[in-house]
Amino acid sequence: MPRYHLINGERVQFTAEEETARDAEEKAWADSSKERKLKQIKELRLDKLKETDWYSNSDVTMPDNIKTWRQQLRDLPQTYTTEEQYDELLEMQGDFPNQTYKHTIWSKP
């Protein structure tokens, strides 16, 4: 199926070279899916770790359940290594605007 783009407001069909270039861009995007998901997981993990960083910077002793949870978060890249596991970690539940991540690792104990 041919693809089109707008040039000066007119719909123009892609040339063969443009089709080839677009195919390469789409393949590169699809091939980097796993890396994009891992980046998102690492960002979520960092946010969760920041929520409890104050324990280490205060006179309050960090509870064991928080220590364990923080270690599990730090271990995510070694524990979850496949794209299917990344999908599991990123699965959402609920309806917008009240969506949350379904996996229990994201819930602070």
PDB file of N, CA and C in Angstrom:
ATOM      1  N   MET A   1       0.843  -1.161   0.000  1.00  0.00           N
ATOM      2  CA  MET A   1       0.000   0.000   0.000  1.00  0.00           C
ATOM      3  C   MET A   1       0.899   1.238   0.000  1.00  0.00           C
ATOM      4  N   PRO A   2       0.703   2.113  -0.921  1.00  0.00           N
ATOM      5  CA  PRO A   2       1.564   3.298  -1.004  1.00  0.00           C
ATOM      6  C   PRO A   2       1.311   4.241   0.166  1.00  0.00           C
ATOM      7  N   ARG A   3       2.361   4.971   0.500  1.00  0.00           N
ATOM      8  CA  ARG A   3       2.265   5.983   1.560  1.00  0.00           C
ATOM      9  C   ARG A   3       2.382   7.355   0.922  1.00  0.00           C
ATOM     10  N   TYR A   4       1.840   8.327   1.647  1.00  0.00           N
ATOM     11  CA  TYR A   4       1.811   9.684   1.147  1.00  0.00           C
ATOM     12  C   TYR A   4       2.289  10.650   2.222  1.00  0.00           C
ATOM     13  N   HIS A   5       2.705  11.807   1.798  1.00  0.00           N
ATOM     14  CA  HIS A   5       3.000  12.901   2.704  1.00  0.00           C
ATOM     15  C   HIS A   5       2.543  14.189   2.040  1.00  0.00           C
ATOM     16  N   LEU A   6       2.478  15.241   2.840  1.00  0.00           N
ATOM     17  CA  LEU A   6       2.037  16.527   2.304  1.00  0.00           C
ATOM     18  C   LEU A   6       3.240  17.378   1.941  1.00  0.00           C
ATOM     19  N   ILE A   7       3.215  17.896   0.741  1.00  0.00           N
ATOM     20  CA  ILE A   7       4.235  18.832   0.284  1.00  0.00           C
ATOM     21  C   ILE A   7       3.495  20.068  -0.212  1.00  0.00           C
ATOM     22  N   ASN A   8       3.750  21.186   0.469  1.00  0.00           N
ATOM     23  CA  ASN A   8       3.054  22.443   0.144  1.00  0.00           C
ATOM     24  C   ASN A   8       1.542  22.252   0.108  1.00  0.00           C
ATOM     25  N   GLY A   9       1.044  21.473   1.066  1.00  0.00           N
ATOM     26  CA  GLY A   9      -0.399  21.267   1.170  1.00  0.00           C
ATOM     27  C   GLY A   9      -0.967  20.254   0.199  1.00  0.00           C
ATOM     28  N   GLU A  10      -0.127  19.615  -0.611  1.00  0.00           N
ATOM     29  CA  GLU A  10      -0.615  18.619  -1.568  1.00  0.00           C
ATOM     30  C   GLU A  10      -0.188  17.224  -1.135  1.00  0.00           C
ATOM     31  N   ARG A  11      -1.070  16.286  -1.334  1.00  0.00           N
ATOM     32  CA  ARG A  11      -0.801  14.890  -1.003  1.00  0.00           C
ATOM     33  C   ARG A  11       0.022  14.273  -2.129  1.00  0.00           C
ATOM     34  N   VAL A  12       1.262  13.847  -1.767  1.00  0.00           N
ATOM     35  CA  VAL A  12       2.189  13.314  -2.759  1.00  0.00           C
ATOM     36  C   VAL A  12       2.634  11.928  -2.322  1.00  0.00           C
ATOM     37  N   GLN A  13       2.600  10.993  -3.258  1.00  0.00           N
ATOM     38  CA  GLN A  13       3.005   9.616  -2.945  1.00  0.00           C
ATOM     39  C   GLN A  13       4.519   9.556  -2.716  1.00  0.00           C
ATOM     40  N   PHE A  14       4.935   8.713  -1.759  1.00  0.00           N
ATOM     41  CA  PHE A  14       6.356   8.508  -1.491  1.00  0.00           C
ATOM     42  C   PHE A  14       7.042   7.975  -2.744  1.00  0.00           C
ATOM     43  N   THR A  15       8.277   8.404  -2.936  1.00  0.00           N
ATOM     44  CA  THR A  15       9.100   7.806  -3.983  1.00  0.00           C
ATOM     45  C   THR A  15       9.611   6.468  -3.453  1.00  0.00           C
ATOM     46  N   ALA A  16      10.230   5.680  -4.327  1.00  0.00           N
ATOM     47  CA  ALA A  16      10.787   4.385  -3.901  1.00  0.00           C
ATOM     48  C   ALA A  16      11.842   4.589  -2.816  1.00  0.00           C
ATOM     49  N   GLU A  17      12.646   5.627  -2.971  1.00  0.00           N
ATOM     50  CA  GLU A  17      13.687   5.920  -1.973  1.00  0.00           C
ATOM     51  C   GLU A  17      13.066   6.316  -0.630  1.00  0.00           C
ATOM     52  N   GLU A  18      11.997   7.110  -0.685  1.00  0.00           N
ATOM     53  CA  GLU A  18      11.315   7.519   0.546  1.00  0.00           C
ATOM     54  C   GLU A  18      10.670   6.313   1.233  1.00  0.00           C
ATOM     55  N   GLU A  19      10.102   5.417   0.426  1.00  0.00           N
ATOM     56  CA  GLU A  19       9.517   4.184   0.983  1.00  0.00           C
ATOM     57  C   GLU A  19      10.588   3.372   1.693  1.00  0.00           C
ATOM     58  N   THR A  20      11.742   3.220   1.056  1.00  0.00           N
ATOM     59  CA  THR A  20      12.846   2.454   1.642  1.00  0.00           C
ATOM     60  C   THR A  20      13.315   3.101   2.941  1.00  0.00           C
ATOM     61  N   ALA A  21      13.460   4.408   2.924  1.00  0.00           N
ATOM     62  CA  ALA A  21      13.908   5.126   4.124  1.00  0.00           C
ATOM     63  C   ALA A  21      12.887   4.988   5.253  1.00  0.00           C
ATOM     64  N   ARG A  22      11.608   5.125   4.918  1.00  0.00           N
ATOM     65  CA  ARG A  22      10.554   5.015   5.938  1.00  0.00           C
ATOM     66  C   ARG A  22      10.508   3.601   6.496  1.00  0.00           C
ATOM     67  N   ASP A  23      10.653   2.602   5.637  1.00  0.00           N
ATOM     68  CA  ASP A  23      10.687   1.210   6.106  1.00  0.00           C
ATOM     69  C   ASP A  23      11.835   1.001   7.092  1.00  0.00           C
ATOM     70  N   ALA A  24      12.989   1.578   6.782  1.00  0.00           N
ATOM     71  CA  ALA A  24      14.156   1.453   7.674  1.00  0.00           C
ATOM     72  C   ALA A  24      13.890   2.141   9.011  1.00  0.00           C
ATOM     73  N   GLU A  25      13.250   3.310   8.990  1.00  0.00           N
ATOM     74  CA  GLU A  25      12.912   4.015  10.230  1.00  0.00           C
ATOM     75  C   GLU A  25      11.945   3.197  11.072  1.00  0.00           C
ATOM     76  N   GLU A  26      10.926   2.630  10.437  1.00  0.00           N
ATOM     77  CA  GLU A  26       9.941   1.829  11.169  1.00  0.00           C
ATOM     78  C   GLU A  26      10.571   0.568  11.750  1.00  0.00           C
ATOM     79  N   LYS A  27      11.488  -0.048  11.008  1.00  0.00           N
ATOM     80  CA  LYS A  27      12.170  -1.240  11.511  1.00  0.00           C
ATOM     81  C   LYS A  27      13.057  -0.891  12.694  1.00  0.00           C
ATOM     82  N   ALA A  28      13.778   0.214  12.607  1.00  0.00           N
ATOM     83  CA  ALA A  28      14.646   0.644  13.710  1.00  0.00           C
ATOM     84  C   ALA A  28      13.816   0.928  14.964  1.00  0.00           C
ATOM     85  N   TRP A  29      12.661   1.553  14.787  1.00  0.00           N
ATOM     86  CA  TRP A  29      11.773   1.840  15.916  1.00  0.00           C
ATOM     87  C   TRP A  29      11.296   0.530  16.539  1.00  0.00           C
ATOM     88  N   ALA A  30      10.848  -0.393  15.729  1.00  0.00           N
ATOM     89  CA  ALA A  30      10.366  -1.680  16.247  1.00  0.00           C
ATOM     90  C   ALA A  30      11.492  -2.456  16.922  1.00  0.00           C
ATOM     91  N   ASP A  31      12.680  -2.418  16.336  1.00  0.00           N
ATOM     92  CA  ASP A  31      13.816  -3.156  16.896  1.00  0.00           C
ATOM     93  C   ASP A  31      14.280  -2.587  18.234  1.00  0.00           C
ATOM     94  N   SER A  32      13.987  -1.321  18.510  1.00  0.00           N
ATOM     95  CA  SER A  32      14.427  -0.708  19.768  1.00  0.00           C
ATOM     96  C   SER A  32      13.356  -0.754  20.856  1.00  0.00           C
ATOM     97  N   SER A  33      12.299  -1.496  20.630  1.00  0.00           N
ATOM     98  CA  SER A  33      11.191  -1.575  21.584  1.00  0.00           C
ATOM     99  C   SER A  33      11.659  -2.023  22.963  1.00  0.00           C
ATOM    100  N   LYS A  34      12.465  -3.058  23.013  1.00  0.00           N
ATOM    101  CA  LYS A  34      12.923  -3.589  24.297  1.00  0.00           C
ATOM    102  C   LYS A  34      13.721  -2.534  25.065  1.00  0.00           C
ATOM    103  N   GLU A  35      14.597  -1.825  24.383  1.00  0.00           N
ATOM    104  CA  GLU A  35      15.419  -0.803  25.024  1.00  0.00           C
ATOM    105  C   GLU A  35      14.560   0.352  25.546  1.00  0.00           C
ATOM    106  N   ARG A  36      13.546   0.748  24.781  1.00  0.00           N
ATOM    107  CA  ARG A  36      12.655   1.828  25.233  1.00  0.00           C
ATOM    108  C   ARG A  36      11.890   1.417  26.478  1.00  0.00           C
ATOM    109  N   LYS A  37      11.433   0.162  26.511  1.00  0.00           N
ATOM    110  CA  LYS A  37      10.702  -0.323  27.681  1.00  0.00           C
ATOM    111  C   LYS A  37      11.610  -0.389  28.901  1.00  0.00           C
ATOM    112  N   LEU A  38      12.837  -0.858  28.724  1.00  0.00           N
ATOM    113  CA  LEU A  38      13.771  -0.926  29.847  1.00  0.00           C
ATOM    114  C   LEU A  38      14.061   0.480  30.372  1.00  0.00           C
ATOM    115  N   LYS A  39      14.197   1.441  29.491  1.00  0.00           N
ATOM    116  CA  LYS A  39      14.431   2.829  29.917  1.00  0.00           C
ATOM    117  C   LYS A  39      13.260   3.328  30.751  1.00  0.00           C
ATOM    118  N   GLN A  40      12.042   3.023  30.328  1.00  0.00           N
ATOM    119  CA  GLN A  40      10.855   3.441  31.075  1.00  0.00           C
ATOM    120  C   GLN A  40      10.830   2.773  32.450  1.00  0.00           C
ATOM    121  N   ILE A  41      11.178   1.506  32.510  1.00  0.00           N
ATOM    122  CA  ILE A  41      11.214   0.775  33.782  1.00  0.00           C
ATOM    123  C   ILE A  41      12.248   1.404  34.712  1.00  0.00           C
ATOM    124  N   LYS A  42      13.402   1.732  34.189  1.00  0.00           N
ATOM    125  CA  LYS A  42      14.447   2.348  35.014  1.00  0.00           C
ATOM    126  C   LYS A  42      14.012   3.716  35.533  1.00  0.00           C
ATOM    127  N   GLU A  43      13.272   4.469  34.733  1.00  0.00           N
ATOM    128  CA  GLU A  43      12.770   5.762  35.181  1.00  0.00           C
ATOM    129  C   GLU A  43      11.741   5.588  36.304  1.00  0.00           C
ATOM    130  N   LEU A  44      10.849   4.611  36.134  1.00  0.00           N
ATOM    131  CA  LEU A  44       9.865   4.324  37.185  1.00  0.00           C
ATOM    132  C   LEU A  44      10.563   3.883  38.471  1.00  0.00           C
ATOM    133  N   ARG A  45      11.539   3.025  38.307  1.00  0.00           N
ATOM    134  CA  ARG A  45      12.299   2.517  39.453  1.00  0.00           C
ATOM    135  C   ARG A  45      12.957   3.681  40.202  1.00  0.00           C
ATOM    136  N   LEU A  46      13.579   4.581  39.476  1.00  0.00           N
ATOM    137  CA  LEU A  46      14.236   5.723  40.101  1.00  0.00           C
ATOM    138  C   LEU A  46      13.229   6.573  40.882  1.00  0.00           C
ATOM    139  N   ASP A  47      12.061   6.808  40.297  1.00  0.00           N
ATOM    140  CA  ASP A  47      11.020   7.568  40.992  1.00  0.00           C
ATOM    141  C   ASP A  47      10.622   6.886  42.299  1.00  0.00           C
ATOM    142  N   LYS A  48      10.458   5.570  42.256  1.00  0.00           N
ATOM    143  CA  LYS A  48      10.068   4.821  43.462  1.00  0.00           C
ATOM    144  C   LYS A  48      11.175   4.855  44.509  1.00  0.00           C
ATOM    145  N   LEU A  49      12.415   4.732  44.084  1.00  0.00           N
ATOM    146  CA  LEU A  49      13.527   4.791  45.038  1.00  0.00           C
ATOM    147  C   LEU A  49      13.611   6.174  45.683  1.00  0.00           C
ATOM    148  N   LYS A  50      13.370   7.216  44.903  1.00  0.00           N
ATOM    149  CA  LYS A  50      13.414   8.575  45.439  1.00  0.00           C
ATOM    150  C   LYS A  50      12.368   8.792  46.534  1.00  0.00           C
ATOM    151  N   GLU A  51      11.231   8.086  46.413  1.00  0.00           N
ATOM    152  CA  GLU A  51      10.170   8.237  47.406  1.00  0.00           C
ATOM    153  C   GLU A  51      10.617   7.821  48.806  1.00  0.00           C
ATOM    154  N   THR A  52      11.594   6.935  48.887  1.00  0.00           N
ATOM    155  CA  THR A  52      12.038   6.447  50.199  1.00  0.00           C
ATOM    156  C   THR A  52      13.486   6.823  50.497  1.00  0.00           C
ATOM    157  N   ASP A  53      14.095   7.641  49.680  1.00  0.00           N
ATOM    158  CA  ASP A  53      15.468   8.075  49.938  1.00  0.00           C
ATOM    159  C   ASP A  53      15.593   8.828  51.260  1.00  0.00           C
ATOM    160  N   TRP A  54      14.543   9.491  51.673  1.00  0.00           N
ATOM    161  CA  TRP A  54      14.610  10.291  52.889  1.00  0.00           C
ATOM    162  C   TRP A  54      14.978   9.443  54.103  1.00  0.00           C
ATOM    163  N   TYR A  55      14.649   8.137  54.064  1.00  0.00           N
ATOM    164  CA  TYR A  55      15.025   7.268  55.187  1.00  0.00           C
ATOM    165  C   TYR A  55      16.534   7.284  55.420  1.00  0.00           C
ATOM    166  N   SER A  56      17.280   7.223  54.337  1.00  0.00           N
ATOM    167  CA  SER A  56      18.736   7.156  54.472  1.00  0.00           C
ATOM    168  C   SER A  56      19.345   8.509  54.831  1.00  0.00           C
ATOM    169  N   ASN A  57      18.579   9.576  54.687  1.00  0.00           N
ATOM    170  CA  ASN A  57      19.076  10.908  55.004  1.00  0.00           C
ATOM    171  C   ASN A  57      18.484  11.465  56.296  1.00  0.00           C
ATOM    172  N   SER A  58      17.909  10.591  57.107  1.00  0.00           N
ATOM    173  CA  SER A  58      17.289  11.061  58.339  1.00  0.00           C
ATOM    174  C   SER A  58      17.733  10.197  59.512  1.00  0.00           C
ATOM    175  N   ASP A  59      17.244  10.570  60.683  1.00  0.00           N
ATOM    176  CA  ASP A  59      17.554   9.806  61.887  1.00  0.00           C
ATOM    177  C   ASP A  59      16.644   8.597  62.029  1.00  0.00           C
ATOM    178  N   VAL A  60      15.648   8.489  61.159  1.00  0.00           N
ATOM    179  CA  VAL A  60      14.700   7.377  61.214  1.00  0.00           C
ATOM    180  C   VAL A  60      15.341   6.147  60.581  1.00  0.00           C
ATOM    181  N   THR A  61      15.218   5.019  61.262  1.00  0.00           N
ATOM    182  CA  THR A  61      15.760   3.770  60.731  1.00  0.00           C
ATOM    183  C   THR A  61      14.837   3.238  59.644  1.00  0.00           C
ATOM    184  N   MET A  62      15.424   2.819  58.537  1.00  0.00           N
ATOM    185  CA  MET A  62      14.641   2.292  57.431  1.00  0.00           C
ATOM    186  C   MET A  62      14.085   0.917  57.808  1.00  0.00           C
ATOM    187  N   PRO A  63      12.767   0.740  57.724  1.00  0.00           N
ATOM    188  CA  PRO A  63      12.178  -0.565  58.040  1.00  0.00           C
ATOM    189  C   PRO A  63      12.685  -1.647  57.081  1.00  0.00           C
ATOM    190  N   ASP A  64      12.735  -2.870  57.569  1.00  0.00           N
ATOM    191  CA  ASP A  64      13.229  -3.987  56.759  1.00  0.00           C
ATOM    192  C   ASP A  64      12.410  -4.190  55.494  1.00  0.00           C
ATOM    193  N   ASN A  65      11.081  -4.012  55.573  1.00  0.00           N
ATOM    194  CA  ASN A  65      10.263  -4.221  54.373  1.00  0.00           C
ATOM    195  C   ASN A  65      10.585  -3.195  53.285  1.00  0.00           C
ATOM    196  N   ILE A  66      10.956  -1.979  53.693  1.00  0.00           N
ATOM    197  CA  ILE A  66      11.356  -0.952  52.721  1.00  0.00           C
ATOM    198  C   ILE A  66      12.730  -1.285  52.154  1.00  0.00           C
ATOM    199  N   LYS A  67      13.634  -1.763  52.994  1.00  0.00           N
ATOM    200  CA  LYS A  67      14.957  -2.172  52.513  1.00  0.00           C
ATOM    201  C   LYS A  67      14.825  -3.273  51.468  1.00  0.00           C
ATOM    202  N   THR A  68      13.981  -4.264  51.764  1.00  0.00           N
ATOM    203  CA  THR A  68      13.773  -5.388  50.840  1.00  0.00           C
ATOM    204  C   THR A  68      13.181  -4.900  49.526  1.00  0.00           C
ATOM    205  N   TRP A  69      12.177  -4.039  49.619  1.00  0.00           N
ATOM    206  CA  TRP A  69      11.522  -3.509  48.417  1.00  0.00           C
ATOM    207  C   TRP A  69      12.502  -2.698  47.567  1.00  0.00           C
ATOM    208  N   ARG A  70      13.302  -1.866  48.217  1.00  0.00           N
ATOM    209  CA  ARG A  70      14.295  -1.076  47.487  1.00  0.00           C
ATOM    210  C   ARG A  70      15.306  -1.979  46.788  1.00  0.00           C
ATOM    211  N   GLN A  71      15.699  -3.059  47.432  1.00  0.00           N
ATOM    212  CA  GLN A  71      16.633  -3.995  46.799  1.00  0.00           C
ATOM    213  C   GLN A  71      15.986  -4.667  45.594  1.00  0.00           C
ATOM    214  N   GLN A  72      14.714  -5.030  45.721  1.00  0.00           N
ATOM    215  CA  GLN A  72      14.000  -5.631  44.584  1.00  0.00           C
ATOM    216  C   GLN A  72      13.932  -4.657  43.414  1.00  0.00           C
ATOM    217  N   LEU A  73      13.711  -3.395  43.707  1.00  0.00           N
ATOM    218  CA  LEU A  73      13.694  -2.383  42.639  1.00  0.00           C
ATOM    219  C   LEU A  73      15.062  -2.274  41.969  1.00  0.00           C
ATOM    220  N   ARG A  74      16.113  -2.252  42.787  1.00  0.00           N
ATOM    221  CA  ARG A  74      17.462  -2.156  42.210  1.00  0.00           C
ATOM    222  C   ARG A  74      17.798  -3.386  41.378  1.00  0.00           C
ATOM    223  N   ASP A  75      17.227  -4.545  41.726  1.00  0.00           N
ATOM    224  CA  ASP A  75      17.512  -5.793  41.017  1.00  0.00           C
ATOM    225  C   ASP A  75      16.676  -5.993  39.750  1.00  0.00           C
ATOM    226  N   LEU A  76      15.748  -5.088  39.468  1.00  0.00           N
ATOM    227  CA  LEU A  76      14.851  -5.275  38.314  1.00  0.00           C
ATOM    228  C   LEU A  76      15.572  -5.608  37.003  1.00  0.00           C
ATOM    229  N   PRO A  77      16.622  -4.877  36.616  1.00  0.00           N
ATOM    230  CA  PRO A  77      17.256  -5.186  35.326  1.00  0.00           C
ATOM    231  C   PRO A  77      17.874  -6.589  35.269  1.00  0.00           C
ATOM    232  N   GLN A  78      18.247  -7.140  36.409  1.00  0.00           N
ATOM    233  CA  GLN A  78      18.807  -8.494  36.416  1.00  0.00           C
ATOM    234  C   GLN A  78      17.716  -9.554  36.555  1.00  0.00           C
ATOM    235  N   THR A  79      16.613  -9.193  37.196  1.00  0.00           N
ATOM    236  CA  THR A  79      15.526 -10.135  37.448  1.00  0.00           C
ATOM    237  C   THR A  79      14.595 -10.269  36.248  1.00  0.00           C
ATOM    238  N   TYR A  80      14.343  -9.162  35.586  1.00  0.00           N
ATOM    239  CA  TYR A  80      13.455  -9.129  34.426  1.00  0.00           C
ATOM    240  C   TYR A  80      14.298  -8.780  33.207  1.00  0.00           C
ATOM    241  N   THR A  81      14.384  -9.708  32.262  1.00  0.00           N
ATOM    242  CA  THR A  81      15.313  -9.508  31.143  1.00  0.00           C
ATOM    243  C   THR A  81      14.682  -9.624  29.764  1.00  0.00           C
ATOM    244  N   THR A  82      13.455 -10.097  29.681  1.00  0.00           N
ATOM    245  CA  THR A  82      12.830 -10.266  28.369  1.00  0.00           C
ATOM    246  C   THR A  82      11.806  -9.171  28.113  1.00  0.00           C
ATOM    247  N   GLU A  83      11.483  -8.967  26.864  1.00  0.00           N
ATOM    248  CA  GLU A  83      10.489  -7.956  26.521  1.00  0.00           C
ATOM    249  C   GLU A  83       9.123  -8.321  27.092  1.00  0.00           C
ATOM    250  N   GLU A  84       8.808  -9.613  27.144  1.00  0.00           N
ATOM    251  CA  GLU A  84       7.541 -10.047  27.721  1.00  0.00           C
ATOM    252  C   GLU A  84       7.476  -9.690  29.206  1.00  0.00           C
ATOM    253  N   GLN A  85       8.599  -9.839  29.910  1.00  0.00           N
ATOM    254  CA  GLN A  85       8.646  -9.457  31.323  1.00  0.00           C
ATOM    255  C   GLN A  85       8.545  -7.941  31.477  1.00  0.00           C
ATOM    256  N   TYR A  86       9.122  -7.208  30.554  1.00  0.00           N
ATOM    257  CA  TYR A  86       9.001  -5.751  30.584  1.00  0.00           C
ATOM    258  C   TYR A  86       7.540  -5.349  30.402  1.00  0.00           C
ATOM    259  N   ASP A  87       6.848  -6.033  29.478  1.00  0.00           N
ATOM    260  CA  ASP A  87       5.426  -5.755  29.262  1.00  0.00           C
ATOM    261  C   ASP A  87       4.635  -6.006  30.546  1.00  0.00           C
ATOM    262  N   GLU A  88       4.982  -7.063  31.256  1.00  0.00           N
ATOM    263  CA  GLU A  88       4.319  -7.390  32.518  1.00  0.00           C
ATOM    264  C   GLU A  88       4.539  -6.260  33.541  1.00  0.00           C
ATOM    265  N   LEU A  89       5.757  -5.761  33.626  1.00  0.00           N
ATOM    266  CA  LEU A  89       6.064  -4.674  34.561  1.00  0.00           C
ATOM    267  C   LEU A  89       5.344  -3.376  34.191  1.00  0.00           C
ATOM    268  N   LEU A  90       5.109  -3.158  32.914  1.00  0.00           N
ATOM    269  CA  LEU A  90       4.510  -1.906  32.443  1.00  0.00           C
ATOM    270  C   LEU A  90       2.997  -1.985  32.240  1.00  0.00           C
ATOM    271  N   GLU A  91       2.401  -3.142  32.526  1.00  0.00           N
ATOM    272  CA  GLU A  91       0.961  -3.305  32.328  1.00  0.00           C
ATOM    273  C   GLU A  91       0.199  -2.375  33.271  1.00  0.00           C
ATOM    274  N   MET A  92      -0.829  -1.743  32.728  1.00  0.00           N
ATOM    275  CA  MET A  92      -1.632  -0.788  33.483  1.00  0.00           C
ATOM    276  C   MET A  92      -2.966  -1.416  33.870  1.00  0.00           C
ATOM    277  N   GLN A  93      -3.554  -0.875  34.931  1.00  0.00           N
ATOM    278  CA  GLN A  93      -4.898  -1.286  35.342  1.00  0.00           C
ATOM    279  C   GLN A  93      -5.712  -0.046  35.653  1.00  0.00           C
ATOM    280  N   GLY A  94      -7.027  -0.204  35.576  1.00  0.00           N
ATOM    281  CA  GLY A  94      -7.903   0.923  35.841  1.00  0.00           C
ATOM    282  C   GLY A  94      -8.149   1.746  34.599  1.00  0.00           C
ATOM    283  N   ASP A  95      -9.032   2.701  34.756  1.00  0.00           N
ATOM    284  CA  ASP A  95      -9.409   3.576  33.654  1.00  0.00           C
ATOM    285  C   ASP A  95      -8.786   4.956  33.842  1.00  0.00           C
ATOM    286  N   PHE A  96      -8.482   5.581  32.728  1.00  0.00           N
ATOM    287  CA  PHE A  96      -7.947   6.931  32.758  1.00  0.00           C
ATOM    288  C   PHE A  96      -8.965   7.847  33.432  1.00  0.00           C
ATOM    289  N   PRO A  97      -8.632   8.705  34.300  1.00  0.00           N
ATOM    290  CA  PRO A  97      -7.300   9.158  34.689  1.00  0.00           C
ATOM    291  C   PRO A  97      -6.743   8.442  35.927  1.00  0.00           C
ATOM    292  N   ASN A  98      -7.363   7.367  36.328  1.00  0.00           N
ATOM    293  CA  ASN A  98      -6.952   6.680  37.556  1.00  0.00           C
ATOM    294  C   ASN A  98      -6.147   5.417  37.288  1.00  0.00           C
ATOM    295  N   GLN A  99      -5.423   5.379  36.184  1.00  0.00           N
ATOM    296  CA  GLN A  99      -4.630   4.204  35.855  1.00  0.00           C
ATOM    297  C   GLN A  99      -3.423   4.093  36.770  1.00  0.00           C
ATOM    298  N   THR A 100      -3.091   2.854  37.103  1.00  0.00           N
ATOM    299  CA  THR A 100      -1.896   2.568  37.885  1.00  0.00           C
ATOM    300  C   THR A 100      -1.204   1.356  37.270  1.00  0.00           C
ATOM    301  N   TYR A 101       0.044   1.162  37.650  1.00  0.00           N
ATOM    302  CA  TYR A 101       0.760  -0.014  37.181  1.00  0.00           C
ATOM    303  C   TYR A 101       0.258  -1.221  37.959  1.00  0.00           C
ATOM    304  N   LYS A 102       0.018  -2.304  37.241  1.00  0.00           N
ATOM    305  CA  LYS A 102      -0.596  -3.491  37.814  1.00  0.00           C
ATOM    306  C   LYS A 102       0.394  -4.308  38.654  1.00  0.00           C
ATOM    307  N   HIS A 103       1.640  -4.372  38.238  1.00  0.00           N
ATOM    308  CA  HIS A 103       2.632  -5.238  38.908  1.00  0.00           C
ATOM    309  C   HIS A 103       2.862  -4.759  40.340  1.00  0.00           C
ATOM    310  N   THR A 104       2.942  -5.699  41.256  1.00  0.00           N
ATOM    311  CA  THR A 104       3.072  -5.361  42.674  1.00  0.00           C
ATOM    312  C   THR A 104       4.403  -4.708  43.029  1.00  0.00           C
ATOM    313  N   ILE A 105       5.413  -4.859  42.192  1.00  0.00           N
ATOM    314  CA  ILE A 105       6.712  -4.257  42.492  1.00  0.00           C
ATOM    315  C   ILE A 105       6.616  -2.740  42.610  1.00  0.00           C
ATOM    316  N   TRP A 106       5.629  -2.129  41.954  1.00  0.00           N
ATOM    317  CA  TRP A 106       5.518  -0.674  41.958  1.00  0.00           C
ATOM    318  C   TRP A 106       4.773  -0.142  43.187  1.00  0.00           C
ATOM    319  N   SER A 107       4.238  -1.045  44.018  1.00  0.00           N
ATOM    320  CA  SER A 107       3.522  -0.617  45.216  1.00  0.00           C
ATOM    321  C   SER A 107       4.450  -0.642  46.420  1.00  0.00           C
ATOM    322  N   LYS A 108       4.589   0.512  47.048  1.00  0.00           N
ATOM    323  CA  LYS A 108       5.446   0.593  48.229  1.00  0.00           C
ATOM    324  C   LYS A 108       4.789  -0.200  49.358  1.00  0.00           C
ATOM    325  N   PRO A 109       5.561  -1.053  50.042  1.00  0.00           N
ATOM    326  CA  PRO A 109       4.978  -1.852  51.135  1.00  0.00           C
ATOM    327  C   PRO A 109       4.546  -0.980  52.312  1.00  0.00           C
TER     328      PRO A 109
END
